[in-house]
Protein backbone atom coordinates (compact mmCIF):
# COMPACT_ATOMS: atom_id res chain seq x y z
CA MET A 1 25.78 20.42 -18.48
CA LYS A 2 25.96 18.00 -15.70
CA TYR A 3 23.01 17.82 -12.34
CA TYR A 4 23.89 16.27 -9.17
CA ILE A 5 20.34 16.21 -7.18
CA ILE A 6 19.82 14.95 -4.02
CA ALA A 7 16.33 13.93 -2.39
CA GLY A 8 16.20 11.85 1.17
CA GLU A 9 12.66 11.71 1.05
CA ALA A 10 9.09 10.94 -0.94
CA SER A 11 7.85 14.41 -1.47
CA GLY A 12 11.63 15.38 -2.82
CA ASP A 13 11.54 12.31 -4.84
CA LEU A 14 8.09 13.83 -6.74
CA HIS A 15 9.34 16.98 -7.20
CA GLY A 16 13.05 16.02 -8.02
CA SER A 17 11.60 14.47 -10.75
CA ASN A 18 9.21 17.23 -11.84
CA LEU A 19 12.93 19.23 -12.05
CA MET A 20 14.48 17.04 -13.90
CA LYS A 21 12.00 16.61 -16.85
CA ALA A 22 11.92 21.06 -16.87
CA LEU A 23 15.76 20.70 -16.41
CA LYS A 24 15.81 18.71 -19.59
CA GLN A 25 13.35 21.30 -21.53
CA GLU A 26 16.16 24.13 -20.87
CA ASP A 27 19.24 21.76 -21.32
CA VAL A 28 19.04 19.43 -24.50
CA ASN A 29 22.85 18.12 -22.86
CA ALA A 30 21.69 18.17 -19.14
CA THR A 31 22.98 14.75 -17.94
CA PHE A 32 21.85 13.55 -13.83
CA ARG A 33 23.30 12.16 -10.74
CA PHE A 34 20.72 11.75 -8.09
CA TRP A 35 19.79 10.57 -4.72
CA GLY A 36 15.57 10.06 -4.80
CA GLY A 37 13.43 7.21 -5.54
CA ASP A 38 11.37 5.76 -8.57
CA LEU A 39 9.84 8.97 -10.16
CA MET A 40 13.43 10.17 -10.53
CA SER A 41 14.63 7.08 -11.83
CA GLU A 42 11.84 7.33 -14.58
CA THR A 43 13.68 10.29 -16.05
CA SER A 44 16.97 9.16 -15.50
CA ASN A 45 18.65 5.76 -14.56
CA THR A 46 21.68 7.11 -12.58
CA LEU A 47 19.86 6.67 -8.60
CA VAL A 48 22.51 6.70 -6.42
CA LYS A 49 21.05 6.23 -3.53
CA HIS A 50 17.16 5.48 -2.68
CA TYR A 51 15.48 7.52 -0.12
CA ARG A 52 13.97 4.65 1.28
CA ASP A 53 17.58 4.31 2.94
CA LEU A 54 17.96 7.19 4.28
CA ALA A 55 15.06 8.47 5.83
CA PHE A 56 15.29 8.67 9.77
CA MET A 57 12.78 10.33 11.15
CA GLY A 58 12.89 12.06 14.65
CA PHE A 59 15.65 12.98 17.64
CA ALA A 60 16.05 9.70 18.40
CA GLU A 61 16.03 7.70 15.36
CA VAL A 62 19.07 10.00 13.76
CA ILE A 63 21.20 9.17 16.86
CA MET A 64 20.71 5.23 16.89
CA ASN A 65 21.76 5.84 13.10
CA LEU A 66 24.04 7.91 12.68
CA ARG A 67 27.05 5.44 11.76
CA THR A 68 24.96 4.98 8.71
CA ILE A 69 24.55 8.31 8.09
CA ALA A 70 27.97 9.32 8.57
CA LYS A 71 28.75 6.22 5.78
CA ASN A 72 26.17 7.87 3.46
CA LEU A 73 28.18 11.67 3.92
CA SER A 74 30.99 10.30 3.36
CA PHE A 75 30.42 8.09 0.11
CA CYS A 76 28.11 10.98 -1.79
CA LYS A 77 31.16 13.14 -1.11
CA LYS A 78 33.23 10.81 -2.89
CA ASP A 79 30.94 10.38 -5.38
CA ILE A 80 29.95 14.07 -6.00
CA GLU A 81 33.91 14.69 -6.50
CA ALA A 82 33.86 11.33 -9.42
CA PHE A 83 30.53 13.21 -11.18
CA SER A 84 32.27 16.70 -10.71
CA PRO A 85 29.08 18.17 -11.51
CA ASP A 86 28.42 21.68 -12.89
CA VAL A 87 25.91 22.40 -9.94
CA ILE A 88 24.37 20.59 -6.98
CA ILE A 89 21.10 21.16 -6.10
CA PHE A 90 19.58 20.02 -2.63
CA ILE A 91 16.10 19.63 -2.55
CA ASP A 92 14.93 19.90 1.33
CA TYR A 93 16.13 16.92 3.67
CA PRO A 94 18.43 20.08 5.32
CA GLY A 95 20.66 17.18 8.32
CA PHE A 96 21.74 15.47 5.34
CA ASN A 97 22.17 18.32 2.66
CA LEU A 98 23.26 20.95 4.46
CA ARG A 99 26.50 19.17 5.56
CA ILE A 100 27.09 18.42 2.09
CA ALA A 101 26.52 22.12 1.42
CA LYS A 102 29.51 22.97 3.61
CA TRP A 103 31.75 20.66 2.20
CA ALA A 104 30.93 21.21 -1.55
CA LYS A 105 30.79 24.92 -0.88
CA GLN A 106 34.47 24.19 0.12
CA LYS A 107 35.43 22.20 -2.71
CA GLY A 108 34.23 25.16 -5.19
CA PHE A 109 30.83 23.23 -6.34
CA LYS A 110 28.11 25.74 -7.32
CA THR A 111 25.52 25.23 -4.38
CA HIS A 112 21.74 25.35 -5.32
CA TYR A 113 18.77 24.88 -3.12
CA TYR A 114 15.50 23.93 -4.11
CA ILE A 115 12.51 23.88 -1.15
CA SER A 116 14.43 25.74 1.47
CA PRO A 117 14.71 23.27 4.97
CA GLN A 118 12.22 24.91 7.71
CA ILE A 119 14.28 26.66 9.38
CA TRP A 120 11.49 29.09 10.10
CA ALA A 121 10.20 26.10 12.11
CA TRP A 122 13.03 25.59 14.33
CA LYS A 123 17.09 25.40 14.29
CA GLU A 124 16.88 29.45 12.99
CA ASN A 125 20.18 29.10 13.46
CA ARG A 126 21.22 27.37 10.30
CA ILE A 127 20.64 30.89 8.45
CA LYS A 128 24.06 31.01 8.45
CA ALA A 129 25.17 27.59 7.33
CA ILE A 130 22.80 28.26 4.13
CA LYS A 131 24.13 32.05 3.77
CA ARG A 132 27.36 30.68 3.54
CA ASP A 133 27.35 27.71 1.86
CA VAL A 134 24.06 28.32 -1.07
CA ASP A 135 24.58 30.02 -3.94
CA LYS A 136 20.66 30.45 -4.81
CA MET A 137 17.65 29.33 -2.71
CA TYR A 138 14.37 28.58 -4.45
CA VAL A 139 11.72 28.94 -1.72
CA ILE A 140 7.82 27.35 -2.31
CA LEU A 141 5.99 28.99 0.70
CA PRO A 142 4.74 32.47 0.27
CA PHE A 143 5.92 34.07 3.42
CA GLU A 144 9.47 32.36 2.90
CA LYS A 145 10.66 35.16 1.07
CA ASP A 146 10.06 38.10 3.92
CA PHE A 147 11.35 35.53 6.44
CA TYR A 148 14.71 35.02 3.97
CA GLU A 149 14.54 38.53 2.79
CA LYS A 150 13.80 41.13 5.46
CA LYS A 151 14.42 39.03 8.73
CA HIS A 152 17.87 37.77 7.59
CA ASN A 153 18.68 39.62 4.51
CA TYR A 154 19.41 36.80 2.22
CA PRO A 155 17.44 37.03 -1.32
CA VAL A 156 16.17 34.07 -2.79
CA GLU A 157 13.33 33.41 -5.32
CA PHE A 158 9.86 32.53 -4.65
CA VAL A 159 8.95 30.26 -7.37
CA GLY A 160 5.34 28.79 -6.60
CA HIS A 161 4.54 25.47 -4.81
CA PRO A 162 5.51 22.52 -6.92
CA THR A 163 2.37 20.37 -5.81
CA ILE A 164 0.11 22.35 -7.80
CA ASP A 165 2.18 21.54 -10.76
CA ALA A 166 2.31 17.92 -9.67
CA ILE A 167 -1.67 17.71 -9.38
CA ALA A 168 -2.46 19.31 -12.84
CA ASN A 169 0.21 17.68 -14.17
CA ARG A 170 -1.18 14.19 -13.52
CA THR A 171 -3.43 12.07 -15.87
CA GLN A 172 -7.44 12.23 -14.75
CA VAL A 173 -8.28 9.18 -13.60
CA ASN A 174 -12.21 7.68 -14.19
CA GLU A 175 -13.92 7.24 -10.84
CA TYR A 176 -16.23 4.61 -11.92
CA THR A 177 -12.73 2.38 -14.01
CA PHE A 178 -10.98 3.33 -10.60
CA ARG A 179 -13.22 1.94 -8.63
CA ALA A 180 -13.58 -1.14 -10.54
CA ASP A 181 -9.63 -1.77 -11.16
CA TYR A 182 -9.40 -1.59 -7.45
CA GLU A 183 -12.39 -3.62 -6.50
CA LEU A 184 -14.04 -0.72 -4.33
CA ASN A 185 -17.95 -0.77 -3.86
CA GLU A 186 -20.03 2.46 -4.48
CA LYS A 187 -20.27 3.70 -0.83
CA PRO A 188 -17.89 6.89 -0.36
CA ILE A 189 -14.47 6.42 0.07
CA ILE A 190 -12.43 7.85 3.39
CA ALA A 191 -8.30 8.07 2.30
CA ILE A 192 -6.08 7.37 4.92
CA LEU A 193 -2.78 8.85 4.33
CA PRO A 194 -0.18 7.42 7.01
CA GLY A 195 3.13 8.38 5.99
CA SER A 196 5.76 6.55 4.36
CA ARG A 197 8.41 5.74 6.76
CA LYS A 198 7.73 2.18 8.12
CA GLN A 199 8.59 3.69 12.26
CA GLU A 200 5.57 6.65 11.19
CA ILE A 201 3.11 4.20 9.88
CA LYS A 202 3.30 1.58 12.66
CA LYS A 203 2.67 4.83 14.88
CA MET A 204 -0.05 5.99 12.62
CA LEU A 205 -2.46 3.05 10.99
CA SER A 206 -3.49 1.30 13.76
CA VAL A 207 -4.67 4.30 15.11
CA MET A 208 -6.98 5.65 12.03
CA LEU A 209 -8.21 2.08 11.19
CA SER A 210 -9.16 2.12 15.10
CA VAL A 211 -12.24 4.33 13.92
CA THR A 212 -13.79 2.35 10.67
CA LYS A 213 -16.02 -0.16 12.06
CA ASP A 214 -17.84 3.32 12.95
CA TYR A 215 -18.77 4.03 9.55
CA PRO A 216 -20.34 1.17 7.94
CA ASN A 217 -21.78 3.22 4.91
CA TYR A 218 -18.01 4.42 4.47
CA GLN A 219 -15.22 2.20 2.87
CA PHE A 220 -11.74 3.70 4.07
CA VAL A 221 -8.95 3.00 1.75
CA ILE A 222 -5.10 3.17 3.02
CA ALA A 223 -3.04 5.04 0.47
CA GLY A 224 0.58 2.28 0.21
CA ALA A 225 3.42 4.22 0.12
CA PRO A 226 5.66 3.85 -3.08
CA SER A 227 8.79 2.84 -1.06
CA GLN A 228 6.84 0.22 1.33
CA ASP A 229 5.43 -3.23 0.57
CA TYR A 230 2.17 -4.75 1.43
CA SER A 231 3.64 -7.08 3.37
CA PHE A 232 4.33 -4.59 5.61
CA TYR A 233 0.79 -3.00 5.76
CA LYS A 234 -1.51 -5.83 6.08
CA GLN A 235 -1.28 -6.80 9.27
CA PHE A 236 -2.92 -3.29 10.47
CA ILE A 237 -5.39 -4.65 7.99
CA LYS A 238 -8.26 -6.58 9.79
CA LYS A 239 -11.66 -4.52 9.12
CA SER A 240 -14.00 -5.76 6.15
CA ASN A 241 -14.43 -2.08 5.09
CA VAL A 242 -10.39 -1.04 4.34
CA ARG A 243 -8.87 -1.26 1.32
CA PHE A 244 -5.19 -1.19 0.21
CA ILE A 245 -3.90 1.21 -3.04
CA SER A 246 -0.09 0.92 -3.53
CA ASN A 247 1.48 3.92 -5.42
CA LYS A 248 -1.98 5.82 -6.57
CA THR A 249 -2.37 8.50 -3.54
CA TYR A 250 -3.28 11.47 -5.92
CA ASP A 251 -6.07 9.18 -7.91
CA LEU A 252 -7.18 8.30 -4.49
CA LEU A 253 -7.39 11.86 -3.27
CA SER A 254 -9.27 12.66 -6.71
CA VAL A 255 -12.03 10.27 -5.41
CA SER A 256 -11.96 10.74 -1.68
CA THR A 257 -15.14 12.19 0.08
CA ALA A 258 -12.57 12.80 3.34
CA ALA A 259 -8.91 12.06 4.76
CA LEU A 260 -7.01 11.17 7.59
CA VAL A 261 -3.67 12.64 6.94
CA THR A 262 -0.25 11.85 8.92
CA SER A 263 1.08 15.58 9.41
CA GLY A 264 3.78 16.63 6.52
CA THR A 265 3.62 17.04 2.71
CA ALA A 266 0.65 14.88 2.43
CA THR A 267 -1.94 17.47 3.82
CA LEU A 268 -1.11 20.30 1.36
CA GLU A 269 -2.07 17.85 -1.19
CA THR A 270 -5.16 16.82 0.39
CA ALA A 271 -6.10 20.56 0.66
CA LEU A 272 -5.06 21.30 -3.45
CA PHE A 273 -7.52 17.90 -4.23
CA LYS A 274 -9.81 19.72 -1.43
CA VAL A 275 -10.69 17.15 0.28
CA PRO A 276 -11.41 17.76 4.00
CA GLN A 277 -9.00 15.96 6.26
CA VAL A 278 -8.07 15.60 9.89
CA VAL A 279 -4.59 16.34 10.72
CA CYS A 280 -2.72 13.44 12.54
CA TYR A 281 1.14 13.02 14.18
CA LYS A 282 2.34 10.82 17.09
CA GLY A 283 5.74 10.37 16.98
CA ASN A 284 8.86 8.70 18.83
CA TRP A 285 7.98 10.16 22.96
CA ILE A 286 11.71 11.28 23.40
CA SER A 287 11.64 12.57 20.02
CA TYR A 288 8.46 14.63 20.54
CA GLN A 289 9.17 15.87 23.91
CA ILE A 290 12.81 17.62 22.33
CA GLY A 291 10.31 18.70 19.35
CA LYS A 292 7.98 20.34 21.34
CA ARG A 293 10.76 22.63 23.00
CA VAL A 294 12.25 23.50 20.28
CA VAL A 295 9.85 23.80 17.29
CA ASN A 296 8.25 27.19 17.80
CA LEU A 297 5.22 27.08 15.71
CA GLU A 298 1.58 27.31 16.70
CA TYR A 299 0.33 24.60 13.81
CA ILE A 300 2.40 22.10 12.67
CA SER A 301 0.38 21.37 8.94
CA LEU A 302 1.20 23.49 6.09
CA VAL A 303 -2.33 24.45 5.49
CA ASN A 304 -3.25 26.05 8.57
CA LEU A 305 1.11 27.38 8.61
CA ILE A 306 0.34 28.74 5.52
CA MET A 307 -2.94 30.47 5.65
CA ASN A 308 -1.69 31.13 9.19
CA LYS A 309 -5.29 30.38 10.73
CA LYS A 310 -6.62 26.94 11.75
CA VAL A 311 -8.49 25.78 8.82
CA VAL A 312 -8.08 21.81 9.45
CA THR A 313 -8.00 19.91 13.06
CA GLU A 314 -4.36 18.75 13.87
CA LEU A 315 -4.67 15.38 16.42
CA ILE A 316 -1.00 15.71 18.21
CA GLN A 317 0.81 12.90 20.32
CA ASN A 318 -1.82 11.82 22.96
CA ASP A 319 -5.41 13.81 21.05
CA PHE A 320 -4.86 11.44 18.39
CA ASN A 321 -6.59 8.80 19.62
CA LYS A 322 -10.04 6.92 18.49
CA ASN A 323 -12.51 9.22 20.26
CA THR A 324 -10.99 12.62 19.49
CA LEU A 325 -10.29 11.10 15.71
CA LYS A 326 -14.28 9.93 15.68
CA LYS A 327 -15.28 13.04 16.85
CA GLU A 328 -13.04 15.52 14.16
CA LEU A 329 -14.47 13.01 11.27
CA ASP A 330 -17.80 13.22 12.29
CA ASN A 331 -16.96 17.08 11.98
CA ILE A 332 -15.66 16.64 8.39
CA LEU A 333 -18.60 14.81 7.08
CA ASP A 334 -21.04 17.53 8.39
CA PRO A 335 -21.89 19.36 4.77
CA TYR A 336 -21.55 22.85 6.52
CA GLU A 337 -18.69 22.37 7.97
CA ARG A 338 -17.33 20.59 4.32
CA ALA A 339 -18.30 23.91 2.73
CA LYS A 340 -16.81 26.60 5.31
CA LEU A 341 -13.72 24.27 4.51
CA TYR A 342 -13.74 24.61 0.38
CA LEU A 343 -13.61 28.00 0.81
CA ASP A 344 -10.62 28.30 2.86
CA TYR A 345 -9.13 25.70 0.19
CA TYR A 346 -9.49 27.77 -2.57
CA ASP A 347 -7.76 30.59 -0.86
CA LEU A 348 -4.76 28.45 -0.08
CA GLU A 349 -4.21 27.70 -3.53
CA LYS A 350 -4.58 31.20 -4.32
CA LYS A 351 -1.57 31.83 -1.90
CA LEU A 352 0.36 29.54 -3.55
CA GLY A 353 1.46 31.20 -6.46
CA GLY A 354 -0.04 29.24 -8.97
CA LYS A 355 1.22 26.62 -11.67
CA GLY A 356 4.79 26.84 -13.31
CA ALA A 357 6.83 25.85 -10.52
CA SER A 358 9.41 23.29 -11.39
CA GLU A 359 9.44 25.14 -15.22
CA LYS A 360 10.48 29.01 -13.24
CA THR A 361 13.42 27.09 -11.26
CA ALA A 362 14.88 25.05 -14.02
CA LYS A 363 14.98 27.96 -16.29
CA LEU A 364 16.75 30.35 -12.85
CA ILE A 365 18.76 27.24 -12.03
CA TYR A 366 20.23 26.61 -15.94
CA ASN A 367 20.74 30.31 -16.48
CA SER A 368 22.59 30.95 -13.52
CA ILE A 369 25.06 28.22 -14.15
CA LYS A 370 25.29 29.33 -18.27
CA ASN A 371 26.07 33.15 -17.67
């Protein structure tokens, strides 16, 4: 069968690649055409557009790129019609994907959505479009099933969180070899995860690195995003105890003592590696002012949202500064605080439903189309 997949971000590329591998196990005749990234390209060489050309973060940024977004929408529709897939699979990325879903449903294509838009956080009125335009929805957070089925009378499948699979299936790293390969010394590692988009890295990384001189007994390692070159990061690296490693975030987390993490999927990944973290976020001022008025959530990190309590500290906008960051980093380096955090991390993993999200989703998609 023919599968057209649209993922617009780095996390979507990761989960899309695992879904494609699982679909190949279910359907030996599977052929793909997709929007995604390098990981999906390892499974199939039919990449249409890379997510690095699609990701616009925040209200202001979207407005400034409306013409580009409109061109991408038009191109995507033509490309889908030319490919004529048996199913279109949308992976998160709702601003773009829900527009394509509306068009695709009218054209008679089967529409399946893997990793729900976070309409429980904002734009809950998108439920109308989802009910109308999405044939099947596969959710990865435990509270999303109740949100859809009990609150909105829309049946969904809870498949578990694919990050658990991605971590479980990775090749284990030898810490001694890892340190040697990347010229890291024996000091404990504090990982810095500043995000994947240039605009968020610019806002996050300088503040994250501002505390490094206060920790001479640690080494800080920046996790470079696969979509960005080292030449972009090196303007920020001015301290002797700062290193840079590209596209090895999971390996880095597996050997880290603590982490400073930009809000997003990385907060959950860090928790699943059992690494104490401080969650950070600073956006465009206009986007932030709009966002805090329309987003109805007590927390911004997936860790706290899933646990429905404060597990990790969140430093948002003006609270994200050198002084508060140092205070919170001191806190997660304290043995007692770390022990409490580990207990919450284990409870978090239980709530996520275990391994097998990619396989469950692939089986459900294939059987639905086949029947």
